[in-house]
Amino acid sequence: MVGSNPKEWSFKLDDALWAFRTEYKMLTGTTPFCLLYGKAFYLPMEIEHKAFWALKTCNLDLKEAGCLRLSQLNELDELMLEAYDNSLMCKERTKKWHDSRLKDSKEFKEGDHILLFN
């Protein structure tokens, strides 16, 4: 993305961060954007088209809107817990795979020379 001049990286940082935050991650099972905001991301063009729809469906009843917001916060909390569980399962699978590829455990006898890491 930077091209021939490596000093241009700062101009492309926003695009790179957007790409990273909206990319689906296998570890968590969702996108970082969704974990942070609790909903899918929209491109600026999509937001422009949804603005009129949002105005039509705007809820002006404060009590009902408060209940809806609490419900959304609970859903976000559940999404984060699910992502945490997915992350733990993935780490366990990775550890199991790594441990299976290790050589047999070493048996040491008296008189063997070993490297001691302090």
PDB file of N, CA and C in Angstrom:
ATOM      1  N   MET A   1       0.806  -1.197   0.000  1.00  0.00           N
ATOM      2  CA  MET A   1       0.000   0.000   0.000  1.00  0.00           C
ATOM      3  C   MET A   1       0.848   1.259   0.000  1.00  0.00           C
ATOM      4  N   VAL A   2       2.017   1.196   0.610  1.00  0.00           N
ATOM      5  CA  VAL A   2       2.824   2.403   0.721  1.00  0.00           C
ATOM      6  C   VAL A   2       3.426   2.786  -0.620  1.00  0.00           C
ATOM      7  N   GLY A   3       3.831   1.813  -1.391  1.00  0.00           N
ATOM      8  CA  GLY A   3       4.419   2.117  -2.684  1.00  0.00           C
ATOM      9  C   GLY A   3       5.927   2.264  -2.586  1.00  0.00           C
ATOM     10  N   SER A   4       6.447   3.145  -3.390  1.00  0.00           N
ATOM     11  CA  SER A   4       7.905   3.256  -3.482  1.00  0.00           C
ATOM     12  C   SER A   4       8.507   4.055  -2.336  1.00  0.00           C
ATOM     13  N   ASN A   5       7.737   4.903  -1.677  1.00  0.00           N
ATOM     14  CA  ASN A   5       8.287   5.731  -0.611  1.00  0.00           C
ATOM     15  C   ASN A   5       7.836   5.199   0.754  1.00  0.00           C
ATOM     16  N   PRO A   6       8.762   4.607   1.526  1.00  0.00           N
ATOM     17  CA  PRO A   6       8.372   4.057   2.830  1.00  0.00           C
ATOM     18  C   PRO A   6       7.953   5.118   3.842  1.00  0.00           C
ATOM     19  N   LYS A   7       8.248   6.367   3.587  1.00  0.00           N
ATOM     20  CA  LYS A   7       7.889   7.426   4.527  1.00  0.00           C
ATOM     21  C   LYS A   7       6.403   7.774   4.458  1.00  0.00           C
ATOM     22  N   GLU A   8       5.680   7.184   3.537  1.00  0.00           N
ATOM     23  CA  GLU A   8       4.258   7.472   3.382  1.00  0.00           C
ATOM     24  C   GLU A   8       3.380   6.605   4.277  1.00  0.00           C
ATOM     25  N   TRP A   9       3.968   5.818   5.155  1.00  0.00           N
ATOM     26  CA  TRP A   9       3.174   4.888   5.960  1.00  0.00           C
ATOM     27  C   TRP A   9       2.159   5.606   6.841  1.00  0.00           C
ATOM     28  N   SER A  10       2.487   6.791   7.306  1.00  0.00           N
ATOM     29  CA  SER A  10       1.571   7.482   8.209  1.00  0.00           C
ATOM     30  C   SER A  10       0.289   7.913   7.506  1.00  0.00           C
ATOM     31  N   PHE A  11       0.367   8.129   6.188  1.00  0.00           N
ATOM     32  CA  PHE A  11      -0.831   8.513   5.439  1.00  0.00           C
ATOM     33  C   PHE A  11      -1.777   7.329   5.248  1.00  0.00           C
ATOM     34  N   LYS A  12      -1.237   6.128   5.269  1.00  0.00           N
ATOM     35  CA  LYS A  12      -2.034   4.912   5.055  1.00  0.00           C
ATOM     36  C   LYS A  12      -2.451   4.231   6.352  1.00  0.00           C
ATOM     37  N   LEU A  13      -2.063   4.807   7.507  1.00  0.00           N
ATOM     38  CA  LEU A  13      -2.332   4.161   8.784  1.00  0.00           C
ATOM     39  C   LEU A  13      -3.824   4.019   9.074  1.00  0.00           C
ATOM     40  N   ASP A  14      -4.615   5.039   8.777  1.00  0.00           N
ATOM     41  CA  ASP A  14      -6.058   4.963   9.022  1.00  0.00           C
ATOM     42  C   ASP A  14      -6.702   3.832   8.225  1.00  0.00           C
ATOM     43  N   ASP A  15      -6.306   3.698   6.969  1.00  0.00           N
ATOM     44  CA  ASP A  15      -6.858   2.619   6.134  1.00  0.00           C
ATOM     45  C   ASP A  15      -6.457   1.248   6.664  1.00  0.00           C
ATOM     46  N   ALA A  16      -5.199   1.132   7.090  1.00  0.00           N
ATOM     47  CA  ALA A  16      -4.725  -0.145   7.608  1.00  0.00           C
ATOM     48  C   ALA A  16      -5.440  -0.508   8.917  1.00  0.00           C
ATOM     49  N   LEU A  17      -5.649   0.475   9.791  1.00  0.00           N
ATOM     50  CA  LEU A  17      -6.360   0.213  11.040  1.00  0.00           C
ATOM     51  C   LEU A  17      -7.810  -0.178  10.788  1.00  0.00           C
ATOM     52  N   TRP A  18      -8.445   0.492   9.831  1.00  0.00           N
ATOM     53  CA  TRP A  18      -9.828   0.146   9.489  1.00  0.00           C
ATOM     54  C   TRP A  18      -9.899  -1.294   8.980  1.00  0.00           C
ATOM     55  N   ALA A  19      -8.953  -1.660   8.126  1.00  0.00           N
ATOM     56  CA  ALA A  19      -8.931  -3.022   7.588  1.00  0.00           C
ATOM     57  C   ALA A  19      -8.724  -4.047   8.707  1.00  0.00           C
ATOM     58  N   PHE A  20      -7.837  -3.742   9.648  1.00  0.00           N
ATOM     59  CA  PHE A  20      -7.575  -4.666  10.755  1.00  0.00           C
ATOM     60  C   PHE A  20      -8.794  -4.796  11.659  1.00  0.00           C
ATOM     61  N   ARG A  21      -9.437  -3.687  11.978  1.00  0.00           N
ATOM     62  CA  ARG A  21     -10.552  -3.706  12.921  1.00  0.00           C
ATOM     63  C   ARG A  21     -11.814  -4.326  12.341  1.00  0.00           C
ATOM     64  N   THR A  22     -11.935  -4.364  11.035  1.00  0.00           N
ATOM     65  CA  THR A  22     -13.138  -4.909  10.421  1.00  0.00           C
ATOM     66  C   THR A  22     -12.929  -6.311   9.859  1.00  0.00           C
ATOM     67  N   GLU A  23     -11.747  -6.868  10.011  1.00  0.00           N
ATOM     68  CA  GLU A  23     -11.446  -8.207   9.514  1.00  0.00           C
ATOM     69  C   GLU A  23     -11.885  -9.249  10.541  1.00  0.00           C
ATOM     70  N   TYR A  24     -12.536 -10.303  10.077  1.00  0.00           N
ATOM     71  CA  TYR A  24     -13.003 -11.385  10.939  1.00  0.00           C
ATOM     72  C   TYR A  24     -11.804 -12.121  11.517  1.00  0.00           C
ATOM     73  N   LYS A  25     -11.786 -12.312  12.825  1.00  0.00           N
ATOM     74  CA  LYS A  25     -10.688 -12.997  13.495  1.00  0.00           C
ATOM     75  C   LYS A  25     -11.152 -14.394  13.924  1.00  0.00           C
ATOM     76  N   MET A  26     -10.392 -15.398  13.551  1.00  0.00           N
ATOM     77  CA  MET A  26     -10.732 -16.775  13.902  1.00  0.00           C
ATOM     78  C   MET A  26     -10.621 -17.013  15.406  1.00  0.00           C
ATOM     79  N   LEU A  27      -9.697 -16.340  16.051  1.00  0.00           N
ATOM     80  CA  LEU A  27      -9.457 -16.554  17.473  1.00  0.00           C
ATOM     81  C   LEU A  27     -10.682 -16.205  18.309  1.00  0.00           C
ATOM     82  N   THR A  28     -11.299 -15.070  18.029  1.00  0.00           N
ATOM     83  CA  THR A  28     -12.451 -14.632  18.811  1.00  0.00           C
ATOM     84  C   THR A  28     -13.770 -15.003  18.163  1.00  0.00           C
ATOM     85  N   GLY A  29     -13.763 -15.307  16.882  1.00  0.00           N
ATOM     86  CA  GLY A  29     -14.995 -15.656  16.178  1.00  0.00           C
ATOM     87  C   GLY A  29     -15.811 -14.449  15.757  1.00  0.00           C
ATOM     88  N   THR A  30     -15.215 -13.286  15.770  1.00  0.00           N
ATOM     89  CA  THR A  30     -15.897 -12.058  15.364  1.00  0.00           C
ATOM     90  C   THR A  30     -14.855 -11.004  14.995  1.00  0.00           C
ATOM     91  N   THR A  31     -15.315  -9.790  14.727  1.00  0.00           N
ATOM     92  CA  THR A  31     -14.387  -8.713  14.397  1.00  0.00           C
ATOM     93  C   THR A  31     -14.093  -7.877  15.633  1.00  0.00           C
ATOM     94  N   PRO A  32     -12.923  -7.241  15.715  1.00  0.00           N
ATOM     95  CA  PRO A  32     -12.656  -6.341  16.845  1.00  0.00           C
ATOM     96  C   PRO A  32     -13.672  -5.201  16.931  1.00  0.00           C
ATOM     97  N   PHE A  33     -14.153  -4.731  15.797  1.00  0.00           N
ATOM     98  CA  PHE A  33     -15.153  -3.666  15.767  1.00  0.00           C
ATOM     99  C   PHE A  33     -16.433  -4.121  16.461  1.00  0.00           C
ATOM    100  N   CYS A  34     -16.849  -5.339  16.169  1.00  0.00           N
ATOM    101  CA  CYS A  34     -18.071  -5.878  16.765  1.00  0.00           C
ATOM    102  C   CYS A  34     -17.901  -6.077  18.267  1.00  0.00           C
ATOM    103  N   LEU A  35     -16.715  -6.487  18.700  1.00  0.00           N
ATOM    104  CA  LEU A  35     -16.475  -6.646  20.132  1.00  0.00           C
ATOM    105  C   LEU A  35     -16.507  -5.307  20.858  1.00  0.00           C
ATOM    106  N   LEU A  36     -16.051  -4.278  20.199  1.00  0.00           N
ATOM    107  CA  LEU A  36     -15.993  -2.968  20.834  1.00  0.00           C
ATOM    108  C   LEU A  36     -17.345  -2.268  20.845  1.00  0.00           C
ATOM    109  N   TYR A  37     -18.050  -2.304  19.712  1.00  0.00           N
ATOM    110  CA  TYR A  37     -19.286  -1.546  19.579  1.00  0.00           C
ATOM    111  C   TYR A  37     -20.559  -2.396  19.638  1.00  0.00           C
ATOM    112  N   GLY A  38     -20.422  -3.705  19.553  1.00  0.00           N
ATOM    113  CA  GLY A  38     -21.586  -4.572  19.677  1.00  0.00           C
ATOM    114  C   GLY A  38     -22.442  -4.666  18.434  1.00  0.00           C
ATOM    115  N   LYS A  39     -21.962  -4.209  17.301  1.00  0.00           N
ATOM    116  CA  LYS A  39     -22.727  -4.310  16.064  1.00  0.00           C
ATOM    117  C   LYS A  39     -21.757  -4.372  14.885  1.00  0.00           C
ATOM    118  N   ALA A  40     -22.305  -4.727  13.749  1.00  0.00           N
ATOM    119  CA  ALA A  40     -21.482  -4.826  12.546  1.00  0.00           C
ATOM    120  C   ALA A  40     -21.078  -3.435  12.076  1.00  0.00           C
ATOM    121  N   PHE A  41     -19.981  -3.372  11.361  1.00  0.00           N
ATOM    122  CA  PHE A  41     -19.512  -2.097  10.845  1.00  0.00           C
ATOM    123  C   PHE A  41     -20.212  -1.765   9.531  1.00  0.00           C
ATOM    124  N   TYR A  42     -20.283  -0.501   9.230  1.00  0.00           N
ATOM    125  CA  TYR A  42     -20.873  -0.040   7.982  1.00  0.00           C
ATOM    126  C   TYR A  42     -19.898   0.889   7.290  1.00  0.00           C
ATOM    127  N   LEU A  43     -19.874   0.794   6.000  1.00  0.00           N
ATOM    128  CA  LEU A  43     -19.072   1.733   5.215  1.00  0.00           C
ATOM    129  C   LEU A  43     -19.777   3.078   5.180  1.00  0.00           C
ATOM    130  N   PRO A  44     -19.049   4.177   4.975  1.00  0.00           N
ATOM    131  CA  PRO A  44     -19.693   5.500   4.972  1.00  0.00           C
ATOM    132  C   PRO A  44     -20.863   5.615   4.000  1.00  0.00           C
ATOM    133  N   MET A  45     -20.798   4.955   2.855  1.00  0.00           N
ATOM    134  CA  MET A  45     -21.912   5.014   1.902  1.00  0.00           C
ATOM    135  C   MET A  45     -23.155   4.353   2.496  1.00  0.00           C
ATOM    136  N   GLU A  46     -22.977   3.237   3.209  1.00  0.00           N
ATOM    137  CA  GLU A  46     -24.108   2.543   3.817  1.00  0.00           C
ATOM    138  C   GLU A  46     -24.741   3.400   4.907  1.00  0.00           C
ATOM    139  N   ILE A  47     -23.921   4.128   5.654  1.00  0.00           N
ATOM    140  CA  ILE A  47     -24.436   4.985   6.728  1.00  0.00           C
ATOM    141  C   ILE A  47     -25.304   6.086   6.151  1.00  0.00           C
ATOM    142  N   GLU A  48     -24.880   6.647   5.030  1.00  0.00           N
ATOM    143  CA  GLU A  48     -25.642   7.729   4.403  1.00  0.00           C
ATOM    144  C   GLU A  48     -27.037   7.242   4.008  1.00  0.00           C
ATOM    145  N   HIS A  49     -27.128   6.041   3.490  1.00  0.00           N
ATOM    146  CA  HIS A  49     -28.417   5.509   3.072  1.00  0.00           C
ATOM    147  C   HIS A  49     -29.279   5.101   4.262  1.00  0.00           C
ATOM    148  N   LYS A  50     -28.666   4.710   5.370  1.00  0.00           N
ATOM    149  CA  LYS A  50     -29.424   4.267   6.536  1.00  0.00           C
ATOM    150  C   LYS A  50     -29.834   5.427   7.431  1.00  0.00           C
ATOM    151  N   ALA A  51     -29.328   6.625   7.191  1.00  0.00           N
ATOM    152  CA  ALA A  51     -29.643   7.766   8.052  1.00  0.00           C
ATOM    153  C   ALA A  51     -31.141   8.075   8.025  1.00  0.00           C
ATOM    154  N   PHE A  52     -31.749   8.067   6.864  1.00  0.00           N
ATOM    155  CA  PHE A  52     -33.177   8.356   6.764  1.00  0.00           C
ATOM    156  C   PHE A  52     -33.997   7.266   7.441  1.00  0.00           C
ATOM    157  N   TRP A  53     -33.597   6.017   7.257  1.00  0.00           N
ATOM    158  CA  TRP A  53     -34.291   4.900   7.895  1.00  0.00           C
ATOM    159  C   TRP A  53     -34.192   5.028   9.416  1.00  0.00           C
ATOM    160  N   ALA A  54     -33.031   5.444   9.921  1.00  0.00           N
ATOM    161  CA  ALA A  54     -32.841   5.581  11.365  1.00  0.00           C
ATOM    162  C   ALA A  54     -33.729   6.684  11.929  1.00  0.00           C
ATOM    163  N   LEU A  55     -33.899   7.757  11.190  1.00  0.00           N
ATOM    164  CA  LEU A  55     -34.760   8.835  11.657  1.00  0.00           C
ATOM    165  C   LEU A  55     -36.218   8.386  11.730  1.00  0.00           C
ATOM    166  N   LYS A  56     -36.644   7.569  10.787  1.00  0.00           N
ATOM    167  CA  LYS A  56     -38.021   7.093  10.779  1.00  0.00           C
ATOM    168  C   LYS A  56     -38.299   6.148  11.945  1.00  0.00           C
ATOM    169  N   THR A  57     -37.295   5.360  12.334  1.00  0.00           N
ATOM    170  CA  THR A  57     -37.507   4.373  13.390  1.00  0.00           C
ATOM    171  C   THR A  57     -37.027   4.853  14.748  1.00  0.00           C
ATOM    172  N   CYS A  58     -36.702   6.115  14.887  1.00  0.00           N
ATOM    173  CA  CYS A  58     -36.199   6.671  16.147  1.00  0.00           C
ATOM    174  C   CYS A  58     -37.282   6.568  17.224  1.00  0.00           C
ATOM    175  N   ASN A  59     -36.881   6.099  18.383  1.00  0.00           N
ATOM    176  CA  ASN A  59     -37.811   5.929  19.493  1.00  0.00           C
ATOM    177  C   ASN A  59     -37.655   7.103  20.451  1.00  0.00           C
ATOM    178  N   LEU A  60     -38.706   7.883  20.647  1.00  0.00           N
ATOM    179  CA  LEU A  60     -38.636   9.052  21.517  1.00  0.00           C
ATOM    180  C   LEU A  60     -39.141   8.756  22.927  1.00  0.00           C
ATOM    181  N   ASP A  61     -39.648   7.562  23.185  1.00  0.00           N
ATOM    182  CA  ASP A  61     -40.078   7.187  24.524  1.00  0.00           C
ATOM    183  C   ASP A  61     -38.827   6.819  25.336  1.00  0.00           C
ATOM    184  N   LEU A  62     -38.477   7.643  26.317  1.00  0.00           N
ATOM    185  CA  LEU A  62     -37.217   7.467  27.042  1.00  0.00           C
ATOM    186  C   LEU A  62     -37.184   6.183  27.863  1.00  0.00           C
ATOM    187  N   LYS A  63     -38.299   5.799  28.453  1.00  0.00           N
ATOM    188  CA  LYS A  63     -38.318   4.582  29.262  1.00  0.00           C
ATOM    189  C   LYS A  63     -38.082   3.346  28.391  1.00  0.00           C
ATOM    190  N   GLU A  64     -38.762   3.281  27.268  1.00  0.00           N
ATOM    191  CA  GLU A  64     -38.591   2.149  26.350  1.00  0.00           C
ATOM    192  C   GLU A  64     -37.191   2.152  25.739  1.00  0.00           C
ATOM    193  N   ALA A  65     -36.685   3.343  25.422  1.00  0.00           N
ATOM    194  CA  ALA A  65     -35.334   3.441  24.863  1.00  0.00           C
ATOM    195  C   ALA A  65     -34.293   2.994  25.878  1.00  0.00           C
ATOM    196  N   GLY A  66     -34.516   3.309  27.169  1.00  0.00           N
ATOM    197  CA  GLY A  66     -33.595   2.862  28.217  1.00  0.00           C
ATOM    198  C   GLY A  66     -33.582   1.355  28.354  1.00  0.00           C
ATOM    199  N   CYS A  67     -34.760   0.752  28.291  1.00  0.00           N
ATOM    200  CA  CYS A  67     -34.834  -0.717  28.360  1.00  0.00           C
ATOM    201  C   CYS A  67     -34.142  -1.362  27.164  1.00  0.00           C
ATOM    202  N   LEU A  68     -34.332  -0.775  25.997  1.00  0.00           N
ATOM    203  CA  LEU A  68     -33.684  -1.292  24.792  1.00  0.00           C
ATOM    204  C   LEU A  68     -32.169  -1.191  24.905  1.00  0.00           C
ATOM    205  N   ARG A  69     -31.686  -0.076  25.453  1.00  0.00           N
ATOM    206  CA  ARG A  69     -30.232   0.107  25.604  1.00  0.00           C
ATOM    207  C   ARG A  69     -29.667  -0.904  26.590  1.00  0.00           C
ATOM    208  N   LEU A  70     -30.362  -1.168  27.689  1.00  0.00           N
ATOM    209  CA  LEU A  70     -29.893  -2.182  28.636  1.00  0.00           C
ATOM    210  C   LEU A  70     -29.835  -3.557  27.983  1.00  0.00           C
ATOM    211  N   SER A  71     -30.825  -3.845  27.165  1.00  0.00           N
ATOM    212  CA  SER A  71     -30.834  -5.109  26.440  1.00  0.00           C
ATOM    213  C   SER A  71     -29.632  -5.204  25.494  1.00  0.00           C
ATOM    214  N   GLN A  72     -29.327  -4.108  24.805  1.00  0.00           N
ATOM    215  CA  GLN A  72     -28.178  -4.088  23.896  1.00  0.00           C
ATOM    216  C   GLN A  72     -26.870  -4.266  24.662  1.00  0.00           C
ATOM    217  N   LEU A  73     -26.763  -3.654  25.835  1.00  0.00           N
ATOM    218  CA  LEU A  73     -25.548  -3.803  26.645  1.00  0.00           C
ATOM    219  C   LEU A  73     -25.388  -5.244  27.121  1.00  0.00           C
ATOM    220  N   ASN A  74     -26.493  -5.895  27.478  1.00  0.00           N
ATOM    221  CA  ASN A  74     -26.424  -7.303  27.878  1.00  0.00           C
ATOM    222  C   ASN A  74     -25.989  -8.182  26.708  1.00  0.00           C
ATOM    223  N   GLU A  75     -26.490  -7.893  25.511  1.00  0.00           N
ATOM    224  CA  GLU A  75     -26.086  -8.655  24.327  1.00  0.00           C
ATOM    225  C   GLU A  75     -24.601  -8.466  24.040  1.00  0.00           C
ATOM    226  N   LEU A  76     -24.108  -7.244  24.226  1.00  0.00           N
ATOM    227  CA  LEU A  76     -22.685  -6.970  24.010  1.00  0.00           C
ATOM    228  C   LEU A  76     -21.846  -7.745  25.020  1.00  0.00           C
ATOM    229  N   ASP A  77     -22.296  -7.799  26.263  1.00  0.00           N
ATOM    230  CA  ASP A  77     -21.580  -8.550  27.286  1.00  0.00           C
ATOM    231  C   ASP A  77     -21.536 -10.037  26.935  1.00  0.00           C
ATOM    232  N   GLU A  78     -22.647 -10.584  26.466  1.00  0.00           N
ATOM    233  CA  GLU A  78     -22.683 -11.991  26.050  1.00  0.00           C
ATOM    234  C   GLU A  78     -21.757 -12.246  24.865  1.00  0.00           C
ATOM    235  N   LEU A  79     -21.711 -11.297  23.926  1.00  0.00           N
ATOM    236  CA  LEU A  79     -20.824 -11.426  22.772  1.00  0.00           C
ATOM    237  C   LEU A  79     -19.366 -11.439  23.204  1.00  0.00           C
ATOM    238  N   MET A  80     -19.020 -10.583  24.153  1.00  0.00           N
ATOM    239  CA  MET A  80     -17.640 -10.544  24.650  1.00  0.00           C
ATOM    240  C   MET A  80     -17.279 -11.828  25.388  1.00  0.00           C
ATOM    241  N   LEU A  81     -18.207 -12.355  26.182  1.00  0.00           N
ATOM    242  CA  LEU A  81     -17.940 -13.614  26.884  1.00  0.00           C
ATOM    243  C   LEU A  81     -17.769 -14.767  25.899  1.00  0.00           C
ATOM    244  N   GLU A  82     -18.575 -14.784  24.848  1.00  0.00           N
ATOM    245  CA  GLU A  82     -18.441 -15.824  23.825  1.00  0.00           C
ATOM    246  C   GLU A  82     -17.097 -15.719  23.109  1.00  0.00           C
ATOM    247  N   ALA A  83     -16.673 -14.496  22.814  1.00  0.00           N
ATOM    248  CA  ALA A  83     -15.372 -14.297  22.175  1.00  0.00           C
ATOM    249  C   ALA A  83     -14.246 -14.743  23.100  1.00  0.00           C
ATOM    250  N   TYR A  84     -14.391 -14.475  24.389  1.00  0.00           N
ATOM    251  CA  TYR A  84     -13.384 -14.910  25.359  1.00  0.00           C
ATOM    252  C   TYR A  84     -13.306 -16.433  25.401  1.00  0.00           C
ATOM    253  N   ASP A  85     -14.459 -17.095  25.419  1.00  0.00           N
ATOM    254  CA  ASP A  85     -14.473 -18.561  25.410  1.00  0.00           C
ATOM    255  C   ASP A  85     -13.852 -19.114  24.135  1.00  0.00           C
ATOM    256  N   ASN A  86     -14.183 -18.504  22.987  1.00  0.00           N
ATOM    257  CA  ASN A  86     -13.584 -18.936  21.716  1.00  0.00           C
ATOM    258  C   ASN A  86     -12.074 -18.778  21.752  1.00  0.00           C
ATOM    259  N   SER A  87     -11.608 -17.691  22.342  1.00  0.00           N
ATOM    260  CA  SER A  87     -10.178 -17.442  22.441  1.00  0.00           C
ATOM    261  C   SER A  87      -9.504 -18.506  23.298  1.00  0.00           C
ATOM    262  N   LEU A  88     -10.108 -18.848  24.424  1.00  0.00           N
ATOM    263  CA  LEU A  88      -9.540 -19.877  25.292  1.00  0.00           C
ATOM    264  C   LEU A  88      -9.488 -21.229  24.589  1.00  0.00           C
ATOM    265  N   MET A  89     -10.565 -21.590  23.886  1.00  0.00           N
ATOM    266  CA  MET A  89     -10.580 -22.876  23.180  1.00  0.00           C
ATOM    267  C   MET A  89      -9.497 -22.917  22.107  1.00  0.00           C
ATOM    268  N   CYS A  90      -9.330 -21.817  21.394  1.00  0.00           N
ATOM    269  CA  CYS A  90      -8.309 -21.774  20.344  1.00  0.00           C
ATOM    270  C   CYS A  90      -6.911 -21.897  20.943  1.00  0.00           C
ATOM    271  N   LYS A  91      -6.682 -21.228  22.069  1.00  0.00           N
ATOM    272  CA  LYS A  91      -5.376 -21.324  22.729  1.00  0.00           C
ATOM    273  C   LYS A  91      -5.115 -22.739  23.223  1.00  0.00           C
ATOM    274  N   GLU A  92      -6.150 -23.396  23.741  1.00  0.00           N
ATOM    275  CA  GLU A  92      -5.984 -24.779  24.198  1.00  0.00           C
ATOM    276  C   GLU A  92      -5.637 -25.702  23.029  1.00  0.00           C
ATOM    277  N   ARG A  93      -6.332 -25.527  21.895  1.00  0.00           N
ATOM    278  CA  ARG A  93      -6.029 -26.351  20.715  1.00  0.00           C
ATOM    279  C   ARG A  93      -4.605 -26.099  20.229  1.00  0.00           C
ATOM    280  N   THR A  94      -4.186 -24.836  20.236  1.00  0.00           N
ATOM    281  CA  THR A  94      -2.833 -24.502  19.795  1.00  0.00           C
ATOM    282  C   THR A  94      -1.801 -25.111  20.723  1.00  0.00           C
ATOM    283  N   LYS A  95      -2.047 -25.053  22.030  1.00  0.00           N
ATOM    284  CA  LYS A  95      -1.125 -25.649  22.995  1.00  0.00           C
ATOM    285  C   LYS A  95      -1.064 -27.160  22.813  1.00  0.00           C
ATOM    286  N   LYS A  96      -2.213 -27.785  22.611  1.00  0.00           N
ATOM    287  CA  LYS A  96      -2.244 -29.239  22.414  1.00  0.00           C
ATOM    288  C   LYS A  96      -1.459 -29.624  21.156  1.00  0.00           C
ATOM    289  N   TRP A  97      -1.640 -28.861  20.081  1.00  0.00           N
ATOM    290  CA  TRP A  97      -0.906 -29.139  18.846  1.00  0.00           C
ATOM    291  C   TRP A  97       0.580 -28.951  19.067  1.00  0.00           C
ATOM    292  N   HIS A  98       0.960 -27.872  19.752  1.00  0.00           N
ATOM    293  CA  HIS A  98       2.377 -27.597  19.986  1.00  0.00           C
ATOM    294  C   HIS A  98       2.995 -28.684  20.855  1.00  0.00           C
ATOM    295  N   ASP A  99       2.285 -29.073  21.915  1.00  0.00           N
ATOM    296  CA  ASP A  99       2.815 -30.107  22.797  1.00  0.00           C
ATOM    297  C   ASP A  99       2.951 -31.451  22.092  1.00  0.00           C
ATOM    298  N   SER A 100       2.054 -31.725  21.149  1.00  0.00           N
ATOM    299  CA  SER A 100       2.139 -33.002  20.431  1.00  0.00           C
ATOM    300  C   SER A 100       3.346 -33.047  19.496  1.00  0.00           C
ATOM    301  N   ARG A 101       3.838 -31.898  19.103  1.00  0.00           N
ATOM    302  CA  ARG A 101       4.982 -31.854  18.191  1.00  0.00           C
ATOM    303  C   ARG A 101       6.322 -31.828  18.918  1.00  0.00           C
ATOM    304  N   LEU A 102       6.286 -31.703  20.233  1.00  0.00           N
ATOM    305  CA  LEU A 102       7.530 -31.732  21.000  1.00  0.00           C
ATOM    306  C   LEU A 102       8.096 -33.145  21.012  1.00  0.00           C
ATOM    307  N   LYS A 103       9.389 -33.212  21.108  1.00  0.00           N
ATOM    308  CA  LYS A 103      10.032 -34.523  21.216  1.00  0.00           C
ATOM    309  C   LYS A 103       9.688 -35.129  22.571  1.00  0.00           C
ATOM    310  N   ASP A 104       9.980 -36.408  22.712  1.00  0.00           N
ATOM    311  CA  ASP A 104       9.715 -37.076  23.983  1.00  0.00           C
ATOM    312  C   ASP A 104      10.389 -36.323  25.113  1.00  0.00           C
ATOM    313  N   SER A 105       9.769 -36.379  26.285  1.00  0.00           N
ATOM    314  CA  SER A 105      10.360 -35.678  27.425  1.00  0.00           C
ATOM    315  C   SER A 105      11.731 -36.270  27.720  1.00  0.00           C
ATOM    316  N   LYS A 106      12.618 -35.416  28.097  1.00  0.00           N
ATOM    317  CA  LYS A 106      14.000 -35.837  28.344  1.00  0.00           C
ATOM    318  C   LYS A 106      14.124 -36.414  29.746  1.00  0.00           C
ATOM    319  N   GLU A 107      14.824 -37.495  29.839  1.00  0.00           N
ATOM    320  CA  GLU A 107      15.125 -38.093  31.136  1.00  0.00           C
ATOM    321  C   GLU A 107      16.581 -37.779  31.434  1.00  0.00           C
ATOM    322  N   PHE A 108      16.823 -37.189  32.582  1.00  0.00           N
ATOM    323  CA  PHE A 108      18.185 -36.832  32.966  1.00  0.00           C
ATOM    324  C   PHE A 108      18.691 -37.799  34.027  1.00  0.00           C
ATOM    325  N   LYS A 109      19.968 -38.123  33.893  1.00  0.00           N
ATOM    326  CA  LYS A 109      20.620 -39.000  34.872  1.00  0.00           C
ATOM    327  C   LYS A 109      21.726 -38.203  35.558  1.00  0.00           C
ATOM    328  N   GLU A 110      22.129 -38.690  36.675  1.00  0.00           N
ATOM    329  CA  GLU A 110      23.201 -38.032  37.393  1.00  0.00           C
ATOM    330  C   GLU A 110      24.462 -38.041  36.543  1.00  0.00           C
ATOM    331  N   GLY A 111      25.096 -36.888  36.435  1.00  0.00           N
ATOM    332  CA  GLY A 111      26.315 -36.762  35.640  1.00  0.00           C
ATOM    333  C   GLY A 111      26.073 -36.165  34.262  1.00  0.00           C
ATOM    334  N   ASP A 112      24.793 -36.052  33.816  1.00  0.00           N
ATOM    335  CA  ASP A 112      24.502 -35.430  32.524  1.00  0.00           C
ATOM    336  C   ASP A 112      24.776 -33.931  32.594  1.00  0.00           C
ATOM    337  N   HIS A 113      25.265 -33.384  31.490  1.00  0.00           N
ATOM    338  CA  HIS A 113      25.492 -31.946  31.401  1.00  0.00           C
ATOM    339  C   HIS A 113      24.254 -31.310  30.773  1.00  0.00           C
ATOM    340  N   ILE A 114      23.712 -30.315  31.464  1.00  0.00           N
ATOM    341  CA  ILE A 114      22.532 -29.629  30.960  1.00  0.00           C
ATOM    342  C   ILE A 114      22.759 -28.118  31.028  1.00  0.00           C
ATOM    343  N   LEU A 115      21.987 -27.389  30.273  1.00  0.00           N
ATOM    344  CA  LEU A 115      22.060 -25.941  30.291  1.00  0.00           C
ATOM    345  C   LEU A 115      21.040 -25.428  31.303  1.00  0.00           C
ATOM    346  N   LEU A 116      21.496 -24.674  32.283  1.00  0.00           N
ATOM    347  CA  LEU A 116      20.632 -24.142  33.317  1.00  0.00           C
ATOM    348  C   LEU A 116      20.305 -22.693  32.975  1.00  0.00           C
ATOM    349  N   PHE A 117      19.030 -22.399  32.839  1.00  0.00           N
ATOM    350  CA  PHE A 117      18.596 -21.029  32.530  1.00  0.00           C
ATOM    351  C   PHE A 117      18.185 -20.363  33.822  1.00  0.00           C
ATOM    352  N   ASN A 118      18.845 -19.269  34.146  1.00  0.00           N
ATOM    353  CA  ASN A 118      18.552 -18.555  35.387  1.00  0.00           C
ATOM    354  C   ASN A 118      17.712 -17.339  35.083  1.00  0.00           C
TER     355      ASN A 118
END
